[in-house]
Amino acid sequence: MVLLRHLRVLALTAALVAVWAIGGAAPAAADYGNSGGNVQLYQVTASGNCNNPDFCGNNLGGFWAWAVFNQDGTFDAELTGCGHLADAHAPGLQGAQHFHVDGHYIITDFGLGPWLVIVDEVQTASGGFLGTGTVITIPSEFMPIGPAAKAKLSTIDFFGFSAPGVSFNVTVTPMHT
C-alpha cells in the first residue's frame, strides 16, 4: 500500500512537472492568431491542483497553462504556478510564479496514437520568486502534452485513478488541422 502511494505521488509529480514546463519558440505576439503566415494547429489548456497532503506531501499547489502549437513546429505558452504550502520555517513556499514559454514540438506516436510532444523550450519568468526576466532553457526533452486530436483528459485518463483534493485536466482543441 505504501509503495502504491509512492508510485501515485511520483506519477502525479511527473505529470505536474511535465505540464508545468509547457512552452514554445516564436514571439508571443506573432503566435496568437494566424499572423505572419504561421498557422495554429492546436490550442491546449491544462490545469492541475493538489490540496491533499496525504497524496502530494509538501508539493501542494497548482498550475494553469495555455499553449498554441503552430504548423511550423513551434509553440508559445503562458503558465502560472501557485504554491499552497504555508510554513513559518520556510518562507517563499506559497504564492505564484508566472512564465512565458517558447519552444518546439513534434507529433509522434509512442503507442497511444499521435501525440503533441515538446522537444525543447525556453521559459522566461515574469514576477514571482524568480523575478522578471529569469530564463530557464531546456535544450532537449520528450514531454508528451496530449493527443494530436480533440480531447478532454482528466486525472483518471492520465493516471487511472483520482483522489480527494487532486485534479489534473488537459484540453486539446484542433484549430486548422
N, C-alpha and C. Protein backbone atom coordinates (compact mmCIF):
# COMPACT_ATOMS: atom_id res chain seq x y z
N MET A 1 0.82 -1.19 0.00
CA MET A 1 0.00 0.00 0.00
C MET A 1 0.86 1.26 0.00
N VAL A 2 1.94 1.25 0.80
CA VAL A 2 2.83 2.40 0.84
C VAL A 2 3.51 2.58 -0.51
N LEU A 3 3.93 1.47 -1.15
CA LEU A 3 4.55 1.54 -2.46
C LEU A 3 3.59 2.13 -3.48
N LEU A 4 2.32 1.71 -3.45
CA LEU A 4 1.33 2.24 -4.38
C LEU A 4 1.16 3.74 -4.18
N ARG A 5 1.14 4.19 -2.95
CA ARG A 5 1.00 5.63 -2.69
C ARG A 5 2.21 6.38 -3.21
N HIS A 6 3.41 5.84 -3.02
CA HIS A 6 4.62 6.49 -3.54
C HIS A 6 4.60 6.54 -5.06
N LEU A 7 4.12 5.47 -5.70
CA LEU A 7 4.03 5.46 -7.16
C LEU A 7 3.03 6.51 -7.65
N ARG A 8 1.92 6.64 -6.93
CA ARG A 8 0.94 7.66 -7.31
C ARG A 8 1.53 9.06 -7.19
N VAL A 9 2.23 9.32 -6.10
CA VAL A 9 2.85 10.63 -5.91
C VAL A 9 3.88 10.88 -7.00
N LEU A 10 4.68 9.87 -7.33
CA LEU A 10 5.68 10.01 -8.39
C LEU A 10 5.01 10.31 -9.72
N ALA A 11 3.93 9.59 -10.05
CA ALA A 11 3.23 9.81 -11.32
C ALA A 11 2.63 11.21 -11.37
N LEU A 12 1.99 11.63 -10.30
CA LEU A 12 1.39 12.96 -10.27
C LEU A 12 2.47 14.03 -10.37
N THR A 13 3.55 13.86 -9.62
CA THR A 13 4.64 14.84 -9.66
C THR A 13 5.21 14.94 -11.06
N ALA A 14 5.43 13.80 -11.72
CA ALA A 14 5.97 13.80 -13.09
C ALA A 14 5.03 14.53 -14.04
N ALA A 15 3.73 14.28 -13.90
CA ALA A 15 2.77 14.94 -14.77
C ALA A 15 2.72 16.44 -14.50
N LEU A 16 2.75 16.83 -13.24
CA LEU A 16 2.73 18.25 -12.91
C LEU A 16 3.96 18.95 -13.46
N VAL A 17 5.12 18.32 -13.32
CA VAL A 17 6.35 18.90 -13.87
C VAL A 17 6.24 19.01 -15.38
N ALA A 18 5.71 17.97 -16.02
CA ALA A 18 5.59 17.98 -17.47
C ALA A 18 4.72 19.14 -17.94
N VAL A 19 3.57 19.29 -17.35
CA VAL A 19 2.69 20.35 -17.79
C VAL A 19 3.21 21.70 -17.33
N TRP A 20 3.85 21.75 -16.18
CA TRP A 20 4.41 22.99 -15.67
C TRP A 20 5.36 23.60 -16.69
N ALA A 21 6.02 22.76 -17.46
CA ALA A 21 7.03 23.23 -18.39
C ALA A 21 6.50 23.50 -19.79
N ILE A 22 5.18 23.48 -20.00
CA ILE A 22 4.65 23.73 -21.34
C ILE A 22 5.29 24.99 -21.90
N GLY A 23 5.74 24.98 -23.13
CA GLY A 23 6.45 26.13 -23.68
C GLY A 23 6.54 26.18 -25.20
N GLY A 24 7.38 27.14 -25.79
CA GLY A 24 7.50 27.32 -27.23
C GLY A 24 8.69 28.12 -27.71
N ALA A 25 8.79 28.51 -29.07
CA ALA A 25 9.96 29.23 -29.60
C ALA A 25 9.65 30.27 -30.65
N ALA A 26 8.53 30.97 -30.59
CA ALA A 26 8.24 32.06 -31.51
C ALA A 26 7.65 33.20 -30.70
N PRO A 27 7.77 34.42 -31.17
CA PRO A 27 7.26 35.55 -30.40
C PRO A 27 5.77 35.41 -30.09
N ALA A 28 5.39 35.76 -28.89
CA ALA A 28 4.00 35.60 -28.46
C ALA A 28 3.04 36.40 -29.32
N ALA A 29 3.40 37.63 -29.65
CA ALA A 29 2.50 38.46 -30.43
C ALA A 29 2.24 37.85 -31.80
N ALA A 30 3.23 37.16 -32.37
CA ALA A 30 3.06 36.56 -33.68
C ALA A 30 2.29 35.25 -33.61
N ASP A 31 2.27 34.60 -32.46
CA ASP A 31 1.66 33.29 -32.36
C ASP A 31 0.16 33.33 -32.14
N TYR A 32 -0.35 34.35 -31.50
CA TYR A 32 -1.78 34.36 -31.26
C TYR A 32 -2.48 34.76 -32.54
N GLY A 33 -3.32 33.90 -33.04
CA GLY A 33 -3.93 34.09 -34.35
C GLY A 33 -3.03 33.48 -35.41
N ASN A 34 -3.31 33.76 -36.66
CA ASN A 34 -2.53 33.18 -37.74
C ASN A 34 -1.73 34.25 -38.46
N SER A 35 -1.06 35.11 -37.70
CA SER A 35 -0.31 36.21 -38.29
C SER A 35 1.02 35.73 -38.84
N GLY A 36 1.59 36.48 -39.73
CA GLY A 36 2.90 36.20 -40.27
C GLY A 36 2.96 34.90 -41.04
N GLY A 37 1.84 34.39 -41.49
CA GLY A 37 1.83 33.15 -42.25
C GLY A 37 1.92 31.90 -41.39
N ASN A 38 2.06 32.03 -40.09
CA ASN A 38 2.15 30.87 -39.20
C ASN A 38 0.73 30.44 -38.83
N VAL A 39 0.41 29.19 -39.03
CA VAL A 39 -0.94 28.69 -38.81
C VAL A 39 -1.00 27.90 -37.50
N GLN A 40 -1.95 28.26 -36.65
CA GLN A 40 -2.17 27.50 -35.41
C GLN A 40 -2.78 26.15 -35.76
N LEU A 41 -2.20 25.08 -35.22
CA LEU A 41 -2.80 23.76 -35.42
C LEU A 41 -3.60 23.33 -34.21
N TYR A 42 -3.09 23.64 -33.01
CA TYR A 42 -3.76 23.22 -31.78
C TYR A 42 -3.63 24.30 -30.72
N GLN A 43 -4.67 24.42 -29.89
CA GLN A 43 -4.55 25.16 -28.64
C GLN A 43 -4.76 24.15 -27.53
N VAL A 44 -3.96 24.29 -26.48
CA VAL A 44 -4.02 23.36 -25.36
C VAL A 44 -4.15 24.16 -24.07
N THR A 45 -5.06 23.75 -23.22
CA THR A 45 -5.14 24.30 -21.87
C THR A 45 -4.90 23.16 -20.90
N ALA A 46 -4.29 23.49 -19.78
CA ALA A 46 -4.01 22.47 -18.77
C ALA A 46 -4.11 23.10 -17.40
N SER A 47 -4.54 22.30 -16.45
CA SER A 47 -4.54 22.76 -15.06
C SER A 47 -4.36 21.55 -14.16
N GLY A 48 -3.75 21.80 -13.04
CA GLY A 48 -3.58 20.76 -12.05
C GLY A 48 -3.58 21.39 -10.67
N ASN A 49 -4.19 20.72 -9.74
CA ASN A 49 -4.23 21.20 -8.36
C ASN A 49 -4.10 20.01 -7.42
N CYS A 50 -3.35 20.20 -6.36
CA CYS A 50 -3.30 19.19 -5.32
C CYS A 50 -3.33 19.88 -3.97
N ASN A 51 -4.39 19.66 -3.25
CA ASN A 51 -4.56 20.22 -1.91
C ASN A 51 -4.69 19.11 -0.89
N ASN A 52 -4.13 17.94 -1.20
CA ASN A 52 -4.24 16.77 -0.35
C ASN A 52 -2.84 16.37 0.12
N PRO A 53 -2.44 16.77 1.33
CA PRO A 53 -1.09 16.46 1.81
C PRO A 53 -0.85 14.95 1.96
N ASP A 54 -1.90 14.16 2.16
CA ASP A 54 -1.71 12.71 2.22
C ASP A 54 -1.28 12.16 0.87
N PHE A 55 -1.66 12.83 -0.20
CA PHE A 55 -1.34 12.37 -1.54
C PHE A 55 -0.11 13.07 -2.12
N CYS A 56 -0.01 14.38 -1.90
CA CYS A 56 1.06 15.18 -2.54
C CYS A 56 2.16 15.60 -1.57
N GLY A 57 2.06 15.22 -0.33
CA GLY A 57 3.09 15.61 0.63
C GLY A 57 3.21 17.11 0.72
N ASN A 58 4.43 17.63 0.61
CA ASN A 58 4.67 19.07 0.68
C ASN A 58 4.51 19.77 -0.66
N ASN A 59 4.14 19.04 -1.72
CA ASN A 59 4.01 19.62 -3.06
C ASN A 59 2.59 20.11 -3.31
N LEU A 60 2.04 20.86 -2.37
CA LEU A 60 0.69 21.37 -2.51
C LEU A 60 0.70 22.59 -3.41
N GLY A 61 -0.34 22.73 -4.22
CA GLY A 61 -0.44 23.88 -5.11
C GLY A 61 -1.05 23.49 -6.42
N GLY A 62 -0.81 24.32 -7.42
CA GLY A 62 -1.39 24.04 -8.71
C GLY A 62 -0.71 24.81 -9.82
N PHE A 63 -1.18 24.58 -11.04
CA PHE A 63 -0.68 25.31 -12.20
C PHE A 63 -1.82 25.47 -13.19
N TRP A 64 -1.67 26.45 -14.05
CA TRP A 64 -2.63 26.72 -15.11
C TRP A 64 -1.82 27.10 -16.33
N ALA A 65 -2.14 26.52 -17.48
CA ALA A 65 -1.35 26.77 -18.68
C ALA A 65 -2.24 26.89 -19.91
N TRP A 66 -1.79 27.69 -20.87
CA TRP A 66 -2.40 27.82 -22.18
C TRP A 66 -1.27 27.79 -23.18
N ALA A 67 -1.42 27.04 -24.26
CA ALA A 67 -0.38 26.99 -25.29
C ALA A 67 -1.00 26.89 -26.66
N VAL A 68 -0.28 27.41 -27.66
CA VAL A 68 -0.67 27.26 -29.05
C VAL A 68 0.48 26.54 -29.76
N PHE A 69 0.12 25.52 -30.55
CA PHE A 69 1.08 24.73 -31.30
C PHE A 69 0.90 25.05 -32.77
N ASN A 70 1.95 25.55 -33.42
CA ASN A 70 1.88 26.07 -34.78
C ASN A 70 2.33 25.07 -35.83
N GLN A 71 1.93 25.35 -37.06
CA GLN A 71 2.26 24.49 -38.19
C GLN A 71 3.76 24.36 -38.42
N ASP A 72 4.54 25.39 -38.05
CA ASP A 72 5.99 25.35 -38.29
C ASP A 72 6.77 24.60 -37.20
N GLY A 73 6.07 23.93 -36.28
CA GLY A 73 6.75 23.15 -35.23
C GLY A 73 7.12 23.94 -34.00
N THR A 74 6.66 25.19 -33.90
CA THR A 74 6.91 25.99 -32.71
C THR A 74 5.68 26.01 -31.83
N PHE A 75 5.88 26.37 -30.57
CA PHE A 75 4.74 26.61 -29.69
C PHE A 75 5.06 27.78 -28.79
N ASP A 76 4.03 28.32 -28.21
CA ASP A 76 4.09 29.51 -27.37
C ASP A 76 3.11 29.26 -26.23
N ALA A 77 3.52 29.55 -25.00
CA ALA A 77 2.65 29.24 -23.86
C ALA A 77 2.75 30.29 -22.77
N GLU A 78 1.72 30.35 -21.98
CA GLU A 78 1.68 31.14 -20.75
C GLU A 78 1.37 30.17 -19.62
N LEU A 79 2.10 30.30 -18.52
CA LEU A 79 1.99 29.35 -17.43
C LEU A 79 2.06 30.07 -16.10
N THR A 80 1.21 29.68 -15.18
CA THR A 80 1.25 30.19 -13.82
C THR A 80 1.19 29.02 -12.86
N GLY A 81 2.10 29.01 -11.92
CA GLY A 81 2.08 28.01 -10.86
C GLY A 81 1.86 28.70 -9.53
N CYS A 82 1.24 28.01 -8.61
CA CYS A 82 0.94 28.60 -7.31
C CYS A 82 1.16 27.57 -6.22
N GLY A 83 2.02 27.91 -5.26
CA GLY A 83 2.24 27.04 -4.11
C GLY A 83 1.25 27.35 -3.01
N HIS A 84 0.78 26.32 -2.35
CA HIS A 84 -0.21 26.49 -1.28
C HIS A 84 0.36 26.16 0.10
N LEU A 85 1.64 25.85 0.17
CA LEU A 85 2.23 25.43 1.42
C LEU A 85 2.62 26.64 2.25
N ALA A 86 2.04 26.76 3.43
CA ALA A 86 2.37 27.82 4.36
C ALA A 86 3.15 27.20 5.51
N ASP A 87 4.39 27.65 5.70
CA ASP A 87 5.26 27.09 6.74
C ASP A 87 6.10 28.23 7.30
N ALA A 88 5.93 28.51 8.56
CA ALA A 88 6.66 29.61 9.19
C ALA A 88 8.17 29.39 9.15
N HIS A 89 8.63 28.14 8.96
CA HIS A 89 10.06 27.83 8.97
C HIS A 89 10.68 27.88 7.58
N ALA A 90 9.86 28.08 6.54
CA ALA A 90 10.39 28.07 5.17
C ALA A 90 9.67 29.12 4.33
N PRO A 91 10.14 30.36 4.36
CA PRO A 91 9.46 31.41 3.60
C PRO A 91 9.55 31.15 2.10
N GLY A 92 8.62 31.71 1.36
CA GLY A 92 8.62 31.60 -0.08
C GLY A 92 7.99 30.34 -0.62
N LEU A 93 7.29 29.59 0.20
CA LEU A 93 6.70 28.34 -0.27
C LEU A 93 5.23 28.52 -0.67
N GLN A 94 4.77 29.74 -0.68
CA GLN A 94 3.43 30.00 -1.16
C GLN A 94 3.47 31.22 -2.06
N GLY A 95 2.52 31.31 -2.96
CA GLY A 95 2.49 32.41 -3.90
C GLY A 95 2.65 31.92 -5.33
N ALA A 96 2.53 32.85 -6.28
CA ALA A 96 2.50 32.49 -7.70
C ALA A 96 3.82 32.78 -8.40
N GLN A 97 4.07 32.03 -9.46
CA GLN A 97 5.19 32.26 -10.37
C GLN A 97 4.64 32.17 -11.79
N HIS A 98 4.96 33.15 -12.61
CA HIS A 98 4.44 33.21 -13.98
C HIS A 98 5.58 33.00 -14.97
N PHE A 99 5.28 32.37 -16.10
CA PHE A 99 6.26 32.14 -17.16
C PHE A 99 5.64 32.37 -18.52
N HIS A 100 6.45 32.90 -19.43
CA HIS A 100 6.16 32.84 -20.85
C HIS A 100 7.11 31.78 -21.39
N VAL A 101 6.62 30.88 -22.23
CA VAL A 101 7.44 29.77 -22.71
C VAL A 101 7.36 29.69 -24.23
N ASP A 102 8.52 29.50 -24.86
CA ASP A 102 8.62 29.29 -26.30
C ASP A 102 9.38 28.00 -26.53
N GLY A 103 9.10 27.30 -27.62
CA GLY A 103 9.86 26.08 -27.90
C GLY A 103 9.42 25.40 -29.16
N HIS A 104 9.81 24.14 -29.27
CA HIS A 104 9.50 23.31 -30.44
C HIS A 104 8.80 22.04 -29.99
N TYR A 105 8.02 21.47 -30.91
CA TYR A 105 7.31 20.23 -30.61
C TYR A 105 7.31 19.35 -31.86
N ILE A 106 6.98 18.11 -31.65
CA ILE A 106 6.75 17.18 -32.74
C ILE A 106 5.41 16.48 -32.48
N ILE A 107 4.88 15.86 -33.51
CA ILE A 107 3.74 14.97 -33.34
C ILE A 107 4.27 13.58 -33.61
N THR A 108 4.15 12.71 -32.61
CA THR A 108 4.69 11.36 -32.75
C THR A 108 3.78 10.35 -32.08
N ASP A 109 3.90 9.12 -32.49
CA ASP A 109 3.12 8.03 -31.92
C ASP A 109 4.06 7.15 -31.10
N PHE A 110 3.87 7.13 -29.80
CA PHE A 110 4.67 6.26 -28.92
C PHE A 110 3.79 5.18 -28.31
N GLY A 111 2.78 4.76 -29.07
CA GLY A 111 1.90 3.67 -28.65
C GLY A 111 0.50 4.09 -28.26
N LEU A 112 0.23 5.41 -28.24
CA LEU A 112 -1.10 5.90 -27.86
C LEU A 112 -1.79 6.63 -29.00
N GLY A 113 -1.26 6.50 -30.22
CA GLY A 113 -1.73 7.31 -31.33
C GLY A 113 -0.89 8.57 -31.39
N PRO A 114 -1.14 9.45 -32.37
CA PRO A 114 -0.34 10.68 -32.49
C PRO A 114 -0.54 11.62 -31.30
N TRP A 115 0.57 12.07 -30.73
CA TRP A 115 0.54 13.00 -29.59
C TRP A 115 1.43 14.20 -29.86
N LEU A 116 1.06 15.34 -29.27
CA LEU A 116 1.92 16.52 -29.24
C LEU A 116 2.99 16.28 -28.18
N VAL A 117 4.25 16.44 -28.55
CA VAL A 117 5.35 16.20 -27.63
C VAL A 117 6.33 17.36 -27.72
N ILE A 118 6.55 18.03 -26.61
CA ILE A 118 7.53 19.13 -26.56
C ILE A 118 8.93 18.54 -26.56
N VAL A 119 9.82 19.13 -27.42
CA VAL A 119 11.19 18.62 -27.53
C VAL A 119 12.25 19.61 -27.05
N ASP A 120 11.91 20.89 -26.90
CA ASP A 120 12.80 21.87 -26.28
C ASP A 120 11.97 23.09 -25.88
N GLU A 121 12.51 23.88 -24.95
CA GLU A 121 11.78 25.07 -24.52
C GLU A 121 12.68 26.08 -23.83
N VAL A 122 12.21 27.32 -23.84
CA VAL A 122 12.85 28.41 -23.11
C VAL A 122 11.75 29.08 -22.29
N GLN A 123 11.92 29.08 -20.96
CA GLN A 123 10.94 29.68 -20.06
C GLN A 123 11.50 31.02 -19.57
N THR A 124 10.68 32.06 -19.63
CA THR A 124 11.07 33.37 -19.12
C THR A 124 10.13 33.76 -18.00
N ALA A 125 10.69 33.93 -16.81
CA ALA A 125 9.88 34.26 -15.63
C ALA A 125 9.37 35.69 -15.71
N SER A 126 8.19 35.88 -15.15
CA SER A 126 7.57 37.19 -15.07
C SER A 126 6.99 37.34 -13.68
N GLY A 127 7.74 37.98 -12.79
CA GLY A 127 7.29 38.13 -11.42
C GLY A 127 7.49 36.86 -10.63
N GLY A 128 6.97 36.84 -9.41
CA GLY A 128 7.13 35.68 -8.55
C GLY A 128 8.52 35.63 -7.93
N PHE A 129 8.84 34.51 -7.29
CA PHE A 129 10.10 34.42 -6.54
C PHE A 129 11.32 34.43 -7.45
N LEU A 130 11.17 34.11 -8.76
CA LEU A 130 12.31 34.17 -9.69
C LEU A 130 12.51 35.57 -10.27
N GLY A 131 11.58 36.48 -9.97
CA GLY A 131 11.68 37.82 -10.53
C GLY A 131 11.27 37.84 -11.98
N THR A 132 11.50 38.96 -12.63
CA THR A 132 11.15 39.12 -14.04
C THR A 132 12.41 39.02 -14.88
N GLY A 133 12.35 38.23 -15.94
CA GLY A 133 13.47 38.12 -16.86
C GLY A 133 14.38 36.92 -16.63
N THR A 134 14.21 36.18 -15.55
CA THR A 134 15.00 34.96 -15.35
C THR A 134 14.64 33.97 -16.44
N VAL A 135 15.67 33.40 -17.10
CA VAL A 135 15.45 32.49 -18.22
C VAL A 135 15.92 31.09 -17.84
N ILE A 136 15.07 30.11 -18.13
CA ILE A 136 15.40 28.70 -17.92
C ILE A 136 15.32 28.04 -19.30
N THR A 137 16.43 27.44 -19.74
CA THR A 137 16.48 26.80 -21.05
C THR A 137 16.55 25.28 -20.88
N ILE A 138 15.67 24.58 -21.56
CA ILE A 138 15.67 23.12 -21.59
C ILE A 138 15.93 22.75 -23.05
N PRO A 139 17.20 22.43 -23.39
CA PRO A 139 17.57 22.24 -24.80
C PRO A 139 17.05 20.96 -25.43
N SER A 140 16.74 19.95 -24.62
CA SER A 140 16.28 18.68 -25.18
C SER A 140 15.41 17.97 -24.15
N GLU A 141 14.22 17.55 -24.58
CA GLU A 141 13.32 16.82 -23.70
C GLU A 141 12.32 16.05 -24.54
N PHE A 142 11.57 15.18 -23.92
CA PHE A 142 10.48 14.44 -24.57
C PHE A 142 9.31 14.51 -23.60
N MET A 143 8.47 15.54 -23.76
CA MET A 143 7.38 15.78 -22.84
C MET A 143 6.03 15.65 -23.53
N PRO A 144 5.36 14.50 -23.43
CA PRO A 144 4.03 14.35 -24.03
C PRO A 144 3.04 15.33 -23.38
N ILE A 145 2.25 16.01 -24.23
CA ILE A 145 1.29 17.00 -23.75
C ILE A 145 -0.14 16.48 -23.85
N GLY A 146 -0.48 15.93 -25.00
CA GLY A 146 -1.83 15.42 -25.22
C GLY A 146 -1.94 14.90 -26.63
N PRO A 147 -3.05 14.23 -26.93
CA PRO A 147 -3.23 13.70 -28.28
C PRO A 147 -3.32 14.81 -29.32
N ALA A 148 -2.86 14.54 -30.54
CA ALA A 148 -2.97 15.49 -31.64
C ALA A 148 -4.37 15.36 -32.25
N ALA A 149 -5.37 15.59 -31.43
CA ALA A 149 -6.78 15.48 -31.81
C ALA A 149 -7.61 16.14 -30.70
N LYS A 150 -8.86 16.40 -30.98
CA LYS A 150 -9.75 16.98 -29.96
C LYS A 150 -9.80 16.03 -28.77
N ALA A 151 -9.53 16.58 -27.58
CA ALA A 151 -9.51 15.72 -26.38
C ALA A 151 -9.75 16.55 -25.14
N LYS A 152 -10.37 15.93 -24.17
CA LYS A 152 -10.52 16.50 -22.82
C LYS A 152 -10.15 15.37 -21.87
N LEU A 153 -8.99 15.50 -21.24
CA LEU A 153 -8.44 14.44 -20.39
C LEU A 153 -8.43 14.88 -18.94
N SER A 154 -8.68 13.93 -18.05
CA SER A 154 -8.76 14.21 -16.62
C SER A 154 -7.72 13.38 -15.86
N THR A 155 -7.71 13.54 -14.56
CA THR A 155 -6.82 12.77 -13.69
C THR A 155 -6.97 11.28 -13.95
N ILE A 156 -8.20 10.81 -14.06
CA ILE A 156 -8.45 9.39 -14.30
C ILE A 156 -7.89 8.96 -15.66
N ASP A 157 -8.03 9.81 -16.68
CA ASP A 157 -7.50 9.48 -18.00
C ASP A 157 -5.98 9.33 -17.98
N PHE A 158 -5.30 10.20 -17.25
CA PHE A 158 -3.84 10.17 -17.22
C PHE A 158 -3.29 9.10 -16.28
N PHE A 159 -3.92 8.93 -15.12
CA PHE A 159 -3.33 8.07 -14.10
C PHE A 159 -4.16 6.84 -13.75
N GLY A 160 -5.40 6.80 -14.21
CA GLY A 160 -6.24 5.66 -13.92
C GLY A 160 -6.88 5.69 -12.55
N PHE A 161 -6.80 6.81 -11.85
CA PHE A 161 -7.39 6.94 -10.52
C PHE A 161 -7.62 8.41 -10.23
N SER A 162 -8.35 8.69 -9.16
CA SER A 162 -8.50 10.05 -8.65
C SER A 162 -8.36 10.00 -7.14
N ALA A 163 -8.21 11.16 -6.55
CA ALA A 163 -8.09 11.25 -5.09
C ALA A 163 -8.72 12.57 -4.65
N PRO A 164 -9.24 12.63 -3.43
CA PRO A 164 -9.81 13.88 -2.94
C PRO A 164 -8.77 14.99 -2.96
N GLY A 165 -9.16 16.17 -3.46
CA GLY A 165 -8.26 17.31 -3.48
C GLY A 165 -7.21 17.25 -4.58
N VAL A 166 -7.35 16.33 -5.54
CA VAL A 166 -6.39 16.19 -6.64
C VAL A 166 -7.14 16.32 -7.96
N SER A 167 -6.70 17.24 -8.81
CA SER A 167 -7.35 17.46 -10.09
C SER A 167 -6.30 17.75 -11.15
N PHE A 168 -6.41 17.10 -12.30
CA PHE A 168 -5.49 17.30 -13.41
C PHE A 168 -6.31 17.24 -14.69
N ASN A 169 -6.26 18.29 -15.52
CA ASN A 169 -7.06 18.36 -16.73
C ASN A 169 -6.26 18.93 -17.88
N VAL A 170 -6.42 18.36 -19.06
CA VAL A 170 -5.83 18.87 -20.30
C VAL A 170 -6.92 18.85 -21.36
N THR A 171 -7.05 19.97 -22.08
CA THR A 171 -7.97 20.04 -23.21
C THR A 171 -7.18 20.41 -24.45
N VAL A 172 -7.33 19.63 -25.50
CA VAL A 172 -6.67 19.88 -26.78
C VAL A 172 -7.77 20.26 -27.78
N THR A 173 -7.59 21.42 -28.43
CA THR A 173 -8.55 21.89 -29.42
C THR A 173 -7.85 22.06 -30.76
N PRO A 174 -8.16 21.22 -31.75
CA PRO A 174 -7.60 21.41 -33.09
C PRO A 174 -8.12 22.72 -33.68
N MET A 175 -7.24 23.47 -34.35
CA MET A 175 -7.63 24.75 -34.92
C MET A 175 -7.77 24.68 -36.44
N HIS A 176 -6.69 24.37 -37.14
CA HIS A 176 -6.68 24.35 -38.60
C HIS A 176 -6.02 23.06 -39.07
N THR A 177 -6.53 21.93 -38.61
CA THR A 177 -5.93 20.65 -38.97
C THR A 177 -6.78 19.92 -39.98
